[in-house]
Amino acid sequence: MDWDKLRVFHAVAEAGSFTRAGDALNLSQSAVSRQISGLEESLQVKLFHRHARGLKLTEQGEILYRTAHEVFAKLAMTEARITDSRESPKGQLKITTTVAFGSIWLTPRIKEFVTLYPDIDVSLVLADTELDLSMREADAAIRMIPSRQPDLIQRHLLTLRYHVYAAPEYLKEYGMPARPEDLDRHRLVVYGDDASPPVPVSNLNWLLDVGTRPGRRRQPILRVNSIYGIFRAVQSGLGIGALPDYMSREAGNLVEVLPEIRGPSIDAYFVYPEELRKSKRIAVLRDFLVSKIAEGVA
């Protein structure tokens, strides 16, 4: 198979359209289309179903895509090893973590990292779904759930502890609860039924039960399917919510409510593929994260 055509095919399969693939490859839509048509002719099979909403891989296209994706992942790993054989860390570094932790804690600190390592091309992917590190969808991750994949290395970074918070304007209007039972008269913001990402605690909405009589559960003012959404709702003054402690430190305008109440805790891990064990880029990122957490600002 022609290597250039395979490269274009992989980009189209990833992007789901000729136009987006062309933008990524710096090619025109017609040039991309010609390359795909040429590849289909040489293989004598259709690789994509064309329809109004975009492109979908055929069964034969799926087979070719899986192989091509594995090949390009291995090439990216090889490039990383070659790059890391140089004296100073340089090259691409794609980091992924959850929307909440990435937006509130990690992103504000990236400026310092790129200043320290200007030759590292940093890319952040904030998503509440896990990218496949072994297939090089990202180089490193900060995850709230321990990894079970044997080909990944993980290091414990910090423990996120849940406390109860409200905005000053909310407390000015509704008052400060003095006892857990007082939450019966307050507006609570909690997780929705499709909480994302999955969090390894047994009772996400413990705030609805604390201080209540058995069998009675409070009704919240709002359910949100992500912790970042809960954070923004509480910050806006809508109600009281349970949040990881780092959010309060970063926001600077939240007040802890009922400090004697302690919610569940979640451990965060720094995770990367075994193949990048000796990567200088991974090493400096790991050391940077550990140093920021050691400063007591995590």
C-alpha atoms as a PDB file:
ATOM      1  CA  MET A   1       0.000   0.000   0.000  1.00  0.00           C
ATOM      2  CA  ASP A   2       1.121   3.529  -0.780  1.00  0.00           C
ATOM      3  CA  TRP A   3       2.366   5.110   2.449  1.00  0.00           C
ATOM      4  CA  ASP A   4       1.053   8.613   1.637  1.00  0.00           C
ATOM      5  CA  LYS A   5      -2.401   7.247   0.887  1.00  0.00           C
ATOM      6  CA  LEU A   6      -2.372   5.245   4.134  1.00  0.00           C
ATOM      7  CA  ARG A   7      -1.411   8.376   6.068  1.00  0.00           C
ATOM      8  CA  VAL A   8      -4.313  10.276   4.503  1.00  0.00           C
ATOM      9  CA  PHE A   9      -6.690   7.368   5.176  1.00  0.00           C
ATOM     10  CA  HIS A  10      -5.722   7.328   8.864  1.00  0.00           C
ATOM     11  CA  ALA A  11      -6.308  11.079   9.148  1.00  0.00           C
ATOM     12  CA  VAL A  12      -9.733  10.823   7.484  1.00  0.00           C
ATOM     13  CA  ALA A  13     -10.754   7.912   9.720  1.00  0.00           C
ATOM     14  CA  GLU A  14      -9.717   9.909  12.794  1.00  0.00           C
ATOM     15  CA  ALA A  15     -11.422  13.133  11.655  1.00  0.00           C
ATOM     16  CA  GLY A  16     -14.559  11.616  10.141  1.00  0.00           C
ATOM     17  CA  SER A  17     -14.535  13.990   7.175  1.00  0.00           C
ATOM     18  CA  PHE A  18     -12.379  14.937   4.188  1.00  0.00           C
ATOM     19  CA  THR A  19     -12.461  18.620   5.159  1.00  0.00           C
ATOM     20  CA  ARG A  20     -11.208  18.176   8.731  1.00  0.00           C
ATOM     21  CA  ALA A  21      -8.572  15.686   7.611  1.00  0.00           C
ATOM     22  CA  GLY A  22      -7.423  18.135   4.938  1.00  0.00           C
ATOM     23  CA  ASP A  23      -7.083  20.877   7.544  1.00  0.00           C
ATOM     24  CA  ALA A  24      -4.950  18.589   9.718  1.00  0.00           C
ATOM     25  CA  LEU A  25      -2.755  17.536   6.771  1.00  0.00           C
ATOM     26  CA  ASN A  26      -2.677  20.949   5.084  1.00  0.00           C
ATOM     27  CA  LEU A  27      -4.285  19.478   1.948  1.00  0.00           C
ATOM     28  CA  SER A  28      -7.359  20.470  -0.017  1.00  0.00           C
ATOM     29  CA  GLN A  29     -10.553  18.462   0.327  1.00  0.00           C
ATOM     30  CA  SER A  30     -10.279  17.350  -3.289  1.00  0.00           C
ATOM     31  CA  ALA A  31      -6.689  16.145  -2.775  1.00  0.00           C
ATOM     32  CA  VAL A  32      -7.758  14.100   0.249  1.00  0.00           C
ATOM     33  CA  SER A  33     -10.696  12.647  -1.669  1.00  0.00           C
ATOM     34  CA  ARG A  34      -8.423  11.653  -4.574  1.00  0.00           C
ATOM     35  CA  GLN A  35      -6.007   9.871  -2.217  1.00  0.00           C
ATOM     36  CA  ILE A  36      -8.839   7.892  -0.615  1.00  0.00           C
ATOM     37  CA  SER A  37     -10.326   6.986  -3.999  1.00  0.00           C
ATOM     38  CA  GLY A  38      -6.892   5.846  -5.189  1.00  0.00           C
ATOM     39  CA  LEU A  39      -6.429   3.675  -2.089  1.00  0.00           C
ATOM     40  CA  GLU A  40      -9.883   2.129  -2.542  1.00  0.00           C
ATOM     41  CA  GLU A  41      -9.129   1.391  -6.192  1.00  0.00           C
ATOM     42  CA  SER A  42      -5.814  -0.271  -5.367  1.00  0.00           C
ATOM     43  CA  LEU A  43      -7.445  -2.439  -2.683  1.00  0.00           C
ATOM     44  CA  GLN A  44     -10.626  -2.934  -4.707  1.00  0.00           C
ATOM     45  CA  VAL A  45     -12.842  -2.306  -1.679  1.00  0.00           C
ATOM     46  CA  LYS A  46     -14.826   0.605  -0.280  1.00  0.00           C
ATOM     47  CA  LEU A  47     -13.281   1.983   2.907  1.00  0.00           C
ATOM     48  CA  PHE A  48     -15.936   4.556   3.822  1.00  0.00           C
ATOM     49  CA  HIS A  49     -19.690   4.914   3.644  1.00  0.00           C
ATOM     50  CA  ARG A  50     -20.428   8.457   2.406  1.00  0.00           C
ATOM     51  CA  HIS A  51     -23.544  10.116   3.813  1.00  0.00           C
ATOM     52  CA  ALA A  52     -24.831  13.613   4.590  1.00  0.00           C
ATOM     53  CA  ARG A  53     -23.554  13.614   8.174  1.00  0.00           C
ATOM     54  CA  GLY A  54     -20.010  12.621   7.271  1.00  0.00           C
ATOM     55  CA  LEU A  55     -18.042   9.428   6.743  1.00  0.00           C
ATOM     56  CA  LYS A  56     -18.324   6.056   8.421  1.00  0.00           C
ATOM     57  CA  LEU A  57     -15.818   3.229   8.047  1.00  0.00           C
ATOM     58  CA  THR A  58     -16.935   0.093   6.238  1.00  0.00           C
ATOM     59  CA  GLU A  59     -16.092  -3.307   7.703  1.00  0.00           C
ATOM     60  CA  GLN A  60     -12.949  -3.434   5.517  1.00  0.00           C
ATOM     61  CA  GLY A  61     -12.163   0.144   6.513  1.00  0.00           C
ATOM     62  CA  GLU A  62     -12.357  -0.778  10.199  1.00  0.00           C
ATOM     63  CA  ILE A  63      -9.845  -3.594   9.652  1.00  0.00           C
ATOM     64  CA  LEU A  64      -7.426  -1.271   7.862  1.00  0.00           C
ATOM     65  CA  TYR A  65      -7.919   1.497  10.425  1.00  0.00           C
ATOM     66  CA  ARG A  66      -7.061  -0.737  13.398  1.00  0.00           C
ATOM     67  CA  THR A  67      -3.810  -1.796  11.756  1.00  0.00           C
ATOM     68  CA  ALA A  68      -2.934   1.707  10.564  1.00  0.00           C
ATOM     69  CA  HIS A  69      -3.666   3.151  14.008  1.00  0.00           C
ATOM     70  CA  GLU A  70      -1.352   0.623  15.647  1.00  0.00           C
ATOM     71  CA  VAL A  71       1.396   1.382  13.115  1.00  0.00           C
ATOM     72  CA  PHE A  72       1.147   5.144  13.619  1.00  0.00           C
ATOM     73  CA  ALA A  73       1.092   4.718  17.407  1.00  0.00           C
ATOM     74  CA  LYS A  74       4.311   2.691  17.246  1.00  0.00           C
ATOM     75  CA  LEU A  75       5.883   5.296  14.970  1.00  0.00           C
ATOM     76  CA  ALA A  76       4.935   8.038  17.417  1.00  0.00           C
ATOM     77  CA  MET A  77       6.507   6.024  20.227  1.00  0.00           C
ATOM     78  CA  THR A  78       9.671   5.570  18.180  1.00  0.00           C
ATOM     79  CA  GLU A  79       9.823   9.288  17.453  1.00  0.00           C
ATOM     80  CA  ALA A  80       9.434   9.984  21.171  1.00  0.00           C
ATOM     81  CA  ARG A  81      12.340   7.679  22.014  1.00  0.00           C
ATOM     82  CA  ILE A  82      14.563   9.324  19.411  1.00  0.00           C
ATOM     83  CA  THR A  83      13.607  12.768  20.692  1.00  0.00           C
ATOM     84  CA  ASP A  84      14.299  11.765  24.281  1.00  0.00           C
ATOM     85  CA  SER A  85      17.782  10.561  23.396  1.00  0.00           C
ATOM     86  CA  ARG A  86      18.840  14.191  23.162  1.00  0.00           C
ATOM     87  CA  GLU A  87      20.207  16.060  26.143  1.00  0.00           C
ATOM     88  CA  SER A  88      17.292  18.411  26.864  1.00  0.00           C
ATOM     89  CA  PRO A  89      13.590  17.477  26.949  1.00  0.00           C
ATOM     90  CA  LYS A  90      11.843  18.492  23.750  1.00  0.00           C
ATOM     91  CA  GLY A  91       9.105  17.370  21.430  1.00  0.00           C
ATOM     92  CA  GLN A  92       5.362  16.882  21.741  1.00  0.00           C
ATOM     93  CA  LEU A  93       3.750  16.111  25.087  1.00  0.00           C
ATOM     94  CA  LYS A  94       0.011  15.445  25.194  1.00  0.00           C
ATOM     95  CA  ILE A  95      -1.461  15.455  28.696  1.00  0.00           C
ATOM     96  CA  THR A  96      -4.998  14.406  29.537  1.00  0.00           C
ATOM     97  CA  THR A  97      -7.094  14.708  32.667  1.00  0.00           C
ATOM     98  CA  THR A  98     -10.680  15.405  33.698  1.00  0.00           C
ATOM     99  CA  VAL A  99     -12.420  18.631  32.691  1.00  0.00           C
ATOM    100  CA  ALA A 100     -12.666  19.780  36.309  1.00  0.00           C
ATOM    101  CA  PHE A 101      -9.111  19.090  37.458  1.00  0.00           C
ATOM    102  CA  GLY A 102      -7.656  20.262  34.160  1.00  0.00           C
ATOM    103  CA  SER A 103      -9.628  23.506  34.017  1.00  0.00           C
ATOM    104  CA  ILE A 104      -9.332  24.506  37.663  1.00  0.00           C
ATOM    105  CA  TRP A 105      -5.938  23.158  38.816  1.00  0.00           C
ATOM    106  CA  LEU A 106      -3.722  22.097  35.919  1.00  0.00           C
ATOM    107  CA  THR A 107      -4.277  24.769  33.273  1.00  0.00           C
ATOM    108  CA  PRO A 108      -3.260  27.726  35.492  1.00  0.00           C
ATOM    109  CA  ARG A 109       0.077  25.997  36.187  1.00  0.00           C
ATOM    110  CA  ILE A 110       0.964  25.113  32.612  1.00  0.00           C
ATOM    111  CA  LYS A 111       2.383  28.595  31.980  1.00  0.00           C
ATOM    112  CA  GLU A 112       5.195  27.901  34.429  1.00  0.00           C
ATOM    113  CA  PHE A 113       5.876  24.498  32.886  1.00  0.00           C
ATOM    114  CA  VAL A 114       6.143  25.802  29.306  1.00  0.00           C
ATOM    115  CA  THR A 115       8.357  28.639  30.548  1.00  0.00           C
ATOM    116  CA  LEU A 116      10.696  26.114  32.173  1.00  0.00           C
ATOM    117  CA  TYR A 117      10.687  23.825  29.115  1.00  0.00           C
ATOM    118  CA  PRO A 118      10.129  25.944  25.991  1.00  0.00           C
ATOM    119  CA  ASP A 119      11.194  23.102  23.666  1.00  0.00           C
ATOM    120  CA  ILE A 120       8.334  20.882  24.837  1.00  0.00           C
ATOM    121  CA  ASP A 121       5.217  21.289  22.704  1.00  0.00           C
ATOM    122  CA  VAL A 122       2.449  20.870  25.279  1.00  0.00           C
ATOM    123  CA  SER A 123      -1.089  19.846  24.389  1.00  0.00           C
ATOM    124  CA  LEU A 124      -3.878  19.425  26.965  1.00  0.00           C
ATOM    125  CA  VAL A 125      -6.862  17.153  26.381  1.00  0.00           C
ATOM    126  CA  LEU A 126      -9.530  17.750  29.026  1.00  0.00           C
ATOM    127  CA  ALA A 127     -12.145  15.023  28.878  1.00  0.00           C
ATOM    128  CA  ASP A 128     -14.269  13.017  31.271  1.00  0.00           C
ATOM    129  CA  THR A 129     -13.550   9.864  29.306  1.00  0.00           C
ATOM    130  CA  GLU A 130     -10.210   8.070  29.493  1.00  0.00           C
ATOM    131  CA  LEU A 131      -7.937   8.225  26.475  1.00  0.00           C
ATOM    132  CA  ASP A 132      -5.977   5.086  25.598  1.00  0.00           C
ATOM    133  CA  LEU A 133      -2.399   5.817  26.664  1.00  0.00           C
ATOM    134  CA  SER A 134      -1.096   2.498  25.353  1.00  0.00           C
ATOM    135  CA  MET A 135      -2.295   3.522  21.873  1.00  0.00           C
ATOM    136  CA  ARG A 136      -0.713   6.974  22.300  1.00  0.00           C
ATOM    137  CA  GLU A 137      -3.955   8.917  22.325  1.00  0.00           C
ATOM    138  CA  ALA A 138      -2.059  10.853  25.000  1.00  0.00           C
ATOM    139  CA  ASP A 139       1.412  10.624  26.545  1.00  0.00           C
ATOM    140  CA  ALA A 140       0.458  11.081  30.193  1.00  0.00           C
ATOM    141  CA  ALA A 141      -2.674  11.372  32.295  1.00  0.00           C
ATOM    142  CA  ILE A 142      -3.818  12.548  35.692  1.00  0.00           C
ATOM    143  CA  ARG A 143      -6.602  10.147  36.636  1.00  0.00           C
ATOM    144  CA  MET A 144      -9.005   9.921  39.552  1.00  0.00           C
ATOM    145  CA  ILE A 145      -9.311   6.135  39.251  1.00  0.00           C
ATOM    146  CA  PRO A 146      -6.307   3.783  39.511  1.00  0.00           C
ATOM    147  CA  SER A 147      -5.341   2.138  36.240  1.00  0.00           C
ATOM    148  CA  ARG A 148      -5.766  -1.597  35.791  1.00  0.00           C
ATOM    149  CA  GLN A 149      -3.740  -1.847  32.587  1.00  0.00           C
ATOM    150  CA  PRO A 150      -0.475  -3.763  33.135  1.00  0.00           C
ATOM    151  CA  ASP A 151       1.425  -1.742  30.504  1.00  0.00           C
ATOM    152  CA  LEU A 152       0.885   1.573  32.308  1.00  0.00           C
ATOM    153  CA  ILE A 153       2.956   3.059  35.124  1.00  0.00           C
ATOM    154  CA  GLN A 154       1.150   5.087  37.776  1.00  0.00           C
ATOM    155  CA  ARG A 155       2.283   7.190  40.687  1.00  0.00           C
ATOM    156  CA  HIS A 156       0.068   8.526  43.447  1.00  0.00           C
ATOM    157  CA  LEU A 157      -0.065  12.326  43.240  1.00  0.00           C
ATOM    158  CA  LEU A 158      -2.506  13.533  45.866  1.00  0.00           C
ATOM    159  CA  THR A 159      -5.678  12.774  47.764  1.00  0.00           C
ATOM    160  CA  LEU A 160      -8.745  14.884  46.981  1.00  0.00           C
ATOM    161  CA  ARG A 161     -10.951  15.315  50.046  1.00  0.00           C
ATOM    162  CA  TYR A 162     -14.572  16.390  49.796  1.00  0.00           C
ATOM    163  CA  HIS A 163     -15.900  19.218  51.975  1.00  0.00           C
ATOM    164  CA  VAL A 164     -19.104  21.253  51.914  1.00  0.00           C
ATOM    165  CA  TYR A 165     -19.020  24.742  50.383  1.00  0.00           C
ATOM    166  CA  ALA A 166     -21.231  27.680  49.489  1.00  0.00           C
ATOM    167  CA  ALA A 167     -20.716  31.118  47.944  1.00  0.00           C
ATOM    168  CA  PRO A 168     -20.809  34.160  50.274  1.00  0.00           C
ATOM    169  CA  GLU A 169     -23.882  35.570  48.496  1.00  0.00           C
ATOM    170  CA  TYR A 170     -25.788  32.337  49.091  1.00  0.00           C
ATOM    171  CA  LEU A 171     -24.961  32.366  52.816  1.00  0.00           C
ATOM    172  CA  LYS A 172     -25.942  36.021  53.039  1.00  0.00           C
ATOM    173  CA  GLU A 173     -29.389  35.201  51.637  1.00  0.00           C
ATOM    174  CA  TYR A 174     -30.058  31.818  53.272  1.00  0.00           C
ATOM    175  CA  GLY A 175     -27.816  31.826  56.327  1.00  0.00           C
ATOM    176  CA  MET A 176     -25.064  29.505  57.552  1.00  0.00           C
ATOM    177  CA  PRO A 177     -26.159  25.998  58.636  1.00  0.00           C
ATOM    178  CA  ALA A 178     -25.107  25.358  62.235  1.00  0.00           C
ATOM    179  CA  ARG A 179     -25.802  21.612  62.296  1.00  0.00           C
ATOM    180  CA  PRO A 180     -26.064  18.916  59.626  1.00  0.00           C
ATOM    181  CA  GLU A 181     -29.835  18.779  60.267  1.00  0.00           C
ATOM    182  CA  ASP A 182     -30.079  22.406  59.123  1.00  0.00           C
ATOM    183  CA  LEU A 183     -29.335  21.270  55.566  1.00  0.00           C
ATOM    184  CA  ASP A 184     -33.002  20.213  55.403  1.00  0.00           C
ATOM    185  CA  ARG A 185     -33.840  23.889  54.898  1.00  0.00           C
ATOM    186  CA  HIS A 186     -31.129  24.614  52.319  1.00  0.00           C
ATOM    187  CA  ARG A 187     -30.717  24.362  48.557  1.00  0.00           C
ATOM    188  CA  LEU A 188     -28.352  21.527  47.686  1.00  0.00           C
ATOM    189  CA  VAL A 189     -26.527  20.904  44.409  1.00  0.00           C
ATOM    190  CA  VAL A 190     -25.587  17.261  43.821  1.00  0.00           C
ATOM    191  CA  TYR A 191     -24.587  14.755  41.150  1.00  0.00           C
ATOM    192  CA  GLY A 192     -27.110  13.670  38.545  1.00  0.00           C
ATOM    193  CA  ASP A 193     -27.858  10.111  37.556  1.00  0.00           C
ATOM    194  CA  ASP A 194     -25.340  10.165  34.675  1.00  0.00           C
ATOM    195  CA  ALA A 195     -22.414  11.368  36.793  1.00  0.00           C
ATOM    196  CA  SER A 196     -19.282  11.687  34.694  1.00  0.00           C
ATOM    197  CA  PRO A 197     -16.627  10.470  34.998  1.00  0.00           C
ATOM    198  CA  PRO A 198     -17.333   7.451  37.217  1.00  0.00           C
ATOM    199  CA  VAL A 199     -16.032   8.243  40.700  1.00  0.00           C
ATOM    200  CA  PRO A 200     -14.834   5.407  42.990  1.00  0.00           C
ATOM    201  CA  VAL A 201     -16.937   6.302  46.022  1.00  0.00           C
ATOM    202  CA  SER A 202     -19.929   4.369  47.282  1.00  0.00           C
ATOM    203  CA  ASN A 203     -22.270   7.328  47.848  1.00  0.00           C
ATOM    204  CA  LEU A 204     -21.723  10.298  45.552  1.00  0.00           C
ATOM    205  CA  ASN A 205     -24.657  12.231  47.011  1.00  0.00           C
ATOM    206  CA  TRP A 206     -23.889  11.732  50.685  1.00  0.00           C
ATOM    207  CA  LEU A 207     -24.865  15.368  51.264  1.00  0.00           C
ATOM    208  CA  LEU A 208     -28.520  14.377  50.804  1.00  0.00           C
ATOM    209  CA  ASP A 209     -28.300  11.941  53.732  1.00  0.00           C
ATOM    210  CA  VAL A 210     -25.934  13.422  56.302  1.00  0.00           C
ATOM    211  CA  GLY A 211     -27.822  14.444  59.461  1.00  0.00           C
ATOM    212  CA  THR A 212     -31.167  13.014  58.320  1.00  0.00           C
ATOM    213  CA  ARG A 213     -33.328  10.374  59.972  1.00  0.00           C
ATOM    214  CA  PRO A 214     -33.098   6.868  58.438  1.00  0.00           C
ATOM    215  CA  GLY A 215     -35.235   6.542  55.328  1.00  0.00           C
ATOM    216  CA  ARG A 216     -35.485  10.279  54.708  1.00  0.00           C
ATOM    217  CA  ARG A 217     -33.518  11.912  51.932  1.00  0.00           C
ATOM    218  CA  ARG A 218     -33.346  15.575  50.986  1.00  0.00           C
ATOM    219  CA  GLN A 219     -34.426  16.808  47.577  1.00  0.00           C
ATOM    220  CA  PRO A 220     -31.759  18.885  45.791  1.00  0.00           C
ATOM    221  CA  ILE A 221     -32.363  22.152  43.999  1.00  0.00           C
ATOM    222  CA  LEU A 222     -30.199  20.920  41.084  1.00  0.00           C
ATOM    223  CA  ARG A 223     -28.579  17.738  39.806  1.00  0.00           C
ATOM    224  CA  VAL A 224     -25.520  18.022  37.565  1.00  0.00           C
ATOM    225  CA  ASN A 225     -23.672  15.173  35.834  1.00  0.00           C
ATOM    226  CA  SER A 226     -20.156  16.525  36.461  1.00  0.00           C
ATOM    227  CA  ILE A 227     -18.201  17.900  39.403  1.00  0.00           C
ATOM    228  CA  TYR A 228     -17.197  20.920  37.334  1.00  0.00           C
ATOM    229  CA  GLY A 229     -20.874  21.714  36.830  1.00  0.00           C
ATOM    230  CA  ILE A 230     -21.512  21.420  40.575  1.00  0.00           C
ATOM    231  CA  PHE A 231     -18.551  23.727  41.220  1.00  0.00           C
ATOM    232  CA  ARG A 232     -19.855  26.402  38.841  1.00  0.00           C
ATOM    233  CA  ALA A 233     -23.382  26.177  40.273  1.00  0.00           C
ATOM    234  CA  VAL A 234     -22.126  26.541  43.853  1.00  0.00           C
ATOM    235  CA  GLN A 235     -19.786  29.353  42.844  1.00  0.00           C
ATOM    236  CA  SER A 236     -22.707  31.212  41.254  1.00  0.00           C
ATOM    237  CA  GLY A 237     -24.603  31.203  44.557  1.00  0.00           C
ATOM    238  CA  LEU A 238     -27.287  28.689  43.580  1.00  0.00           C
ATOM    239  CA  GLY A 239     -26.808  26.431  46.583  1.00  0.00           C
ATOM    240  CA  ILE A 240     -24.579  24.334  48.831  1.00  0.00           C
ATOM    241  CA  GLY A 241     -22.479  21.529  47.347  1.00  0.00           C
ATOM    242  CA  ALA A 242     -19.812  18.958  48.217  1.00  0.00           C
ATOM    243  CA  LEU A 243     -16.567  19.663  46.345  1.00  0.00           C
ATOM    244  CA  PRO A 244     -12.940  18.471  46.427  1.00  0.00           C
ATOM    245  CA  ASP A 245     -10.885  20.802  48.605  1.00  0.00           C
ATOM    246  CA  TYR A 246      -8.594  21.961  45.769  1.00  0.00           C
ATOM    247  CA  MET A 247     -11.560  23.676  44.084  1.00  0.00           C
ATOM    248  CA  SER A 248     -12.101  25.977  47.046  1.00  0.00           C
ATOM    249  CA  ARG A 249      -8.428  26.949  47.160  1.00  0.00           C
ATOM    250  CA  GLU A 250      -8.375  27.697  43.452  1.00  0.00           C
ATOM    251  CA  ALA A 251     -11.682  29.600  43.403  1.00  0.00           C
ATOM    252  CA  GLY A 252     -10.832  31.734  46.428  1.00  0.00           C
ATOM    253  CA  ASN A 253     -14.447  32.835  46.957  1.00  0.00           C
ATOM    254  CA  LEU A 254     -16.078  29.778  48.511  1.00  0.00           C
ATOM    255  CA  VAL A 255     -16.855  29.394  52.212  1.00  0.00           C
ATOM    256  CA  GLU A 256     -16.615  26.033  53.960  1.00  0.00           C
ATOM    257  CA  VAL A 257     -19.913  24.982  55.520  1.00  0.00           C
ATOM    258  CA  LEU A 258     -20.154  22.610  58.502  1.00  0.00           C
ATOM    259  CA  PRO A 259     -16.390  21.928  58.625  1.00  0.00           C
ATOM    260  CA  GLU A 260     -16.937  18.990  61.000  1.00  0.00           C
ATOM    261  CA  ILE A 261     -18.521  17.084  58.097  1.00  0.00           C
ATOM    262  CA  ARG A 262     -16.068  15.060  56.031  1.00  0.00           C
ATOM    263  CA  GLY A 263     -17.050  13.459  52.772  1.00  0.00           C
ATOM    264  CA  PRO A 264     -15.275  10.727  50.816  1.00  0.00           C
ATOM    265  CA  SER A 265     -11.755  11.091  49.456  1.00  0.00           C
ATOM    266  CA  ILE A 266     -10.417  10.255  45.991  1.00  0.00           C
ATOM    267  CA  ASP A 267      -6.821   9.507  45.035  1.00  0.00           C
ATOM    268  CA  ALA A 268      -5.338  11.084  41.913  1.00  0.00           C
ATOM    269  CA  TYR A 269      -2.585   9.336  39.943  1.00  0.00           C
ATOM    270  CA  PHE A 270       0.000  10.333  37.349  1.00  0.00           C
ATOM    271  CA  VAL A 271      -0.131   7.673  34.640  1.00  0.00           C
ATOM    272  CA  TYR A 272       1.982   7.026  31.529  1.00  0.00           C
ATOM    273  CA  PRO A 273       2.907   4.084  29.260  1.00  0.00           C
ATOM    274  CA  GLU A 274       5.693   1.686  30.170  1.00  0.00           C
ATOM    275  CA  GLU A 275       7.419   2.564  26.882  1.00  0.00           C
ATOM    276  CA  LEU A 276       7.914   6.150  28.115  1.00  0.00           C
ATOM    277  CA  ARG A 277       9.582   5.133  31.377  1.00  0.00           C
ATOM    278  CA  LYS A 278      12.881   6.759  30.310  1.00  0.00           C
ATOM    279  CA  SER A 279      11.300   9.763  28.576  1.00  0.00           C
ATOM    280  CA  LYS A 280      12.783  13.085  29.683  1.00  0.00           C
ATOM    281  CA  ARG A 281       9.527  14.867  28.883  1.00  0.00           C
ATOM    282  CA  ILE A 282       7.588  12.520  31.166  1.00  0.00           C
ATOM    283  CA  ALA A 283      10.219  12.849  33.903  1.00  0.00           C
ATOM    284  CA  VAL A 284      10.183  16.647  33.964  1.00  0.00           C
ATOM    285  CA  LEU A 285       6.371  16.723  33.879  1.00  0.00           C
ATOM    286  CA  ARG A 286       6.180  14.240  36.762  1.00  0.00           C
ATOM    287  CA  ASP A 287       8.699  16.206  38.817  1.00  0.00           C
ATOM    288  CA  PHE A 288       6.900  19.464  38.053  1.00  0.00           C
ATOM    289  CA  LEU A 289       3.533  18.102  39.218  1.00  0.00           C
ATOM    290  CA  VAL A 290       5.044  16.619  42.369  1.00  0.00           C
ATOM    291  CA  SER A 291       6.749  19.930  43.179  1.00  0.00           C
ATOM    292  CA  LYS A 292       3.517  21.912  42.734  1.00  0.00           C
ATOM    293  CA  ILE A 293       1.665  19.544  45.035  1.00  0.00           C
ATOM    294  CA  ALA A 294       4.506  19.653  47.588  1.00  0.00           C
ATOM    295  CA  GLU A 295       4.145  23.432  47.714  1.00  0.00           C
ATOM    296  CA  GLY A 296       0.792  22.860  49.367  1.00  0.00           C
ATOM    297  CA  VAL A 297      -1.222  24.477  46.601  1.00  0.00           C
ATOM    298  CA  ALA A 298      -2.835  21.273  45.255  1.00  0.00           C
END
